[in-house]
Every structure is written in C-alpha cells, then in structure tokens.
C-alpha cells in the first residue's frame, strides 16, 4: 500500500471489487494497522467473489457491501436480459481478528 496520508475527511478504506488483489490486501493491511490505520475496511463487491476470497478477508474486513441487483428473477430478465441470477456465496461471519478499535479483537 505504501505511505498514505489519510485526512480527517476520510471515513473508510473502500476496496471496490477487490477479488484480484485480495492477497495483496491481506499482506498490506496488518502493516497499515500497526502503523496507525483505524478506519473501517469496506469490501465493496459485485457479489461474485469466490468463497476462498471471502474467507481470506474474514476478520479483516469490517463491512461487506455486495452490489444487489434484483430480488425477482423476472425483473432480472426484463431489465438485464439474464436468464438467471447467480447467487453469491455470501459474506463470511462477522468476527474481527485484527484489533483496531476497543471491543474488536
């Protein structure tokens, strides 16, 4: 991640569709936290992440934010021309293993 100057205007670290860089995130975040990073970590996902990727980020990510498209398969066909909606494996349990704030860890 390198050095990052985070101003008081920054509310979180938001990784958008990070499936392809999860190993690098896992390697860099502990160092950033040791260096004083206290912001919540957001995994802003397309909801097509692999279960392996989600399991790797379990305990490191504070908020999983999947991109929800449709509840009704008929609406998916009508508006996105898809025959079926792929179901996301879902975010892993909400446990925190890296202590950043009181009560977490």
Protein backbone atom coordinates (compact mmCIF):
# COMPACT_ATOMS: atom_id res chain seq x y z
CA UNK A 1 0.00 0.00 0.00
CA UNK A 2 2.89 2.35 0.62
CA UNK A 3 2.52 5.51 2.66
CA UNK A 4 -0.92 7.02 2.73
CA UNK A 5 -1.79 10.39 4.20
CA UNK A 6 -5.33 9.99 5.48
CA UNK A 7 -7.03 13.26 6.29
CA UNK A 8 -9.84 13.69 8.80
CA UNK A 9 -12.24 13.79 5.84
CA UNK A 10 -11.66 10.09 5.10
CA UNK A 11 -14.31 7.82 6.63
CA UNK A 12 -13.20 4.37 5.47
CA UNK A 13 -10.92 2.38 3.19
CA UNK A 14 -13.20 1.09 0.44
CA UNK A 15 -11.89 -1.70 -1.77
CA UNK A 16 -14.12 -1.89 -4.87
CA UNK A 17 -14.40 -5.33 -6.48
CA UNK A 18 -11.04 -6.38 -5.00
CA UNK A 19 -11.15 -10.09 -5.92
CA UNK A 20 -7.95 -9.86 -7.99
CA UNK A 21 -5.91 -8.13 -5.24
CA UNK A 22 -7.11 -9.88 -2.06
CA UNK A 23 -3.69 -11.48 -1.36
CA UNK A 24 -2.01 -8.07 -1.51
CA UNK A 25 -4.68 -6.55 0.75
CA UNK A 26 -4.22 -9.35 3.27
CA UNK A 27 -0.47 -8.73 3.27
CA UNK A 28 -0.66 -4.92 3.49
CA UNK A 29 -3.48 -4.28 5.97
CA UNK A 30 -1.78 -5.63 9.10
CA UNK A 31 1.18 -3.34 8.39
CA UNK A 32 -1.14 -0.36 7.88
CA UNK A 33 -3.00 -1.14 11.10
CA UNK A 34 0.28 -1.45 13.01
CA UNK A 35 1.18 1.93 11.52
CA UNK A 36 -1.95 3.52 12.95
CA UNK A 37 -4.74 2.86 10.44
CA UNK A 38 -8.01 2.95 12.38
CA UNK A 39 -10.55 3.41 9.61
CA UNK A 40 -13.17 0.75 8.85
CA UNK A 41 -12.34 -1.53 5.92
CA UNK A 42 -15.13 -1.90 3.34
CA UNK A 43 -15.28 -4.73 0.80
CA UNK A 44 -17.46 -3.23 -1.94
CA UNK A 45 -18.20 -6.28 -4.01
CA UNK A 46 -20.00 -7.29 -7.18
CA UNK A 47 -21.21 -10.29 -5.12
CA UNK A 48 -19.44 -12.72 -7.45
CA UNK A 49 -16.38 -13.21 -5.23
CA UNK A 50 -15.02 -16.67 -4.66
CA UNK A 51 -15.67 -18.26 -1.30
CA UNK A 52 -11.89 -18.53 -0.86
CA UNK A 53 -11.52 -14.76 -1.29
CA UNK A 54 -14.28 -14.04 1.22
CA UNK A 55 -12.78 -16.45 3.73
CA UNK A 56 -9.38 -14.74 3.39
CA UNK A 57 -10.89 -11.36 4.22
CA UNK A 58 -12.99 -12.67 7.12
CA UNK A 59 -11.88 -10.92 10.27
CA UNK A 60 -10.10 -8.16 8.38
CA UNK A 61 -12.99 -6.52 6.56
CA UNK A 62 -15.43 -4.57 8.72
CA UNK A 63 -18.22 -4.14 6.16
CA UNK A 64 -19.16 -6.38 3.23
CA UNK A 65 -21.19 -4.36 0.74
CA UNK A 66 -22.47 -6.57 -2.09
CA UNK A 67 -23.95 -4.98 -5.18
CA UNK A 68 -27.52 -6.22 -5.04
CA UNK A 69 -29.23 -6.18 -8.41
CA UNK A 70 -32.61 -7.93 -8.34
CA UNK A 71 -34.76 -9.87 -5.95
CA UNK A 72 -37.14 -11.08 -8.64
CA UNK A 73 -35.73 -13.26 -11.47
CA UNK A 74 -38.38 -11.86 -13.84
CA UNK A 75 -37.05 -8.33 -13.26
CA UNK A 76 -33.52 -9.59 -14.00
CA UNK A 77 -34.73 -10.99 -17.32
CA UNK A 78 -36.67 -7.82 -18.14
CA UNK A 79 -34.03 -5.22 -17.26
CA UNK A 80 -30.70 -7.04 -17.67
CA UNK A 81 -31.65 -9.72 -20.17
CA UNK A 82 -30.28 -12.51 -17.96
CA UNK A 83 -31.93 -15.91 -17.67
CA UNK A 84 -30.96 -16.43 -14.05
CA UNK A 85 -29.45 -14.58 -11.15
CA UNK A 86 -26.18 -16.02 -9.90
CA UNK A 87 -26.35 -16.41 -6.16
CA UNK A 88 -23.46 -15.02 -4.16
CA UNK A 89 -21.88 -17.39 -1.63
CA UNK A 90 -22.39 -14.61 0.91
CA UNK A 91 -20.03 -12.84 3.24
CA UNK A 92 -18.37 -14.88 5.97
CA UNK A 93 -19.14 -14.49 9.65
CA UNK A 94 -18.63 -11.10 11.26
CA UNK A 95 -15.70 -11.74 13.52
CA UNK A 96 -12.77 -9.40 13.91
CA UNK A 97 -9.34 -10.88 14.43
CA UNK A 98 -7.23 -7.75 13.97
CA UNK A 99 -7.79 -5.34 16.81
CA UNK A 100 -8.20 -1.77 15.60
CA UNK A 101 -10.78 -0.35 18.00
CA UNK A 102 -11.95 -1.08 21.50
CA UNK A 103 -14.18 -4.13 21.56
CA UNK A 104 -12.84 -5.57 18.32
CA UNK A 105 -10.42 -8.44 18.58
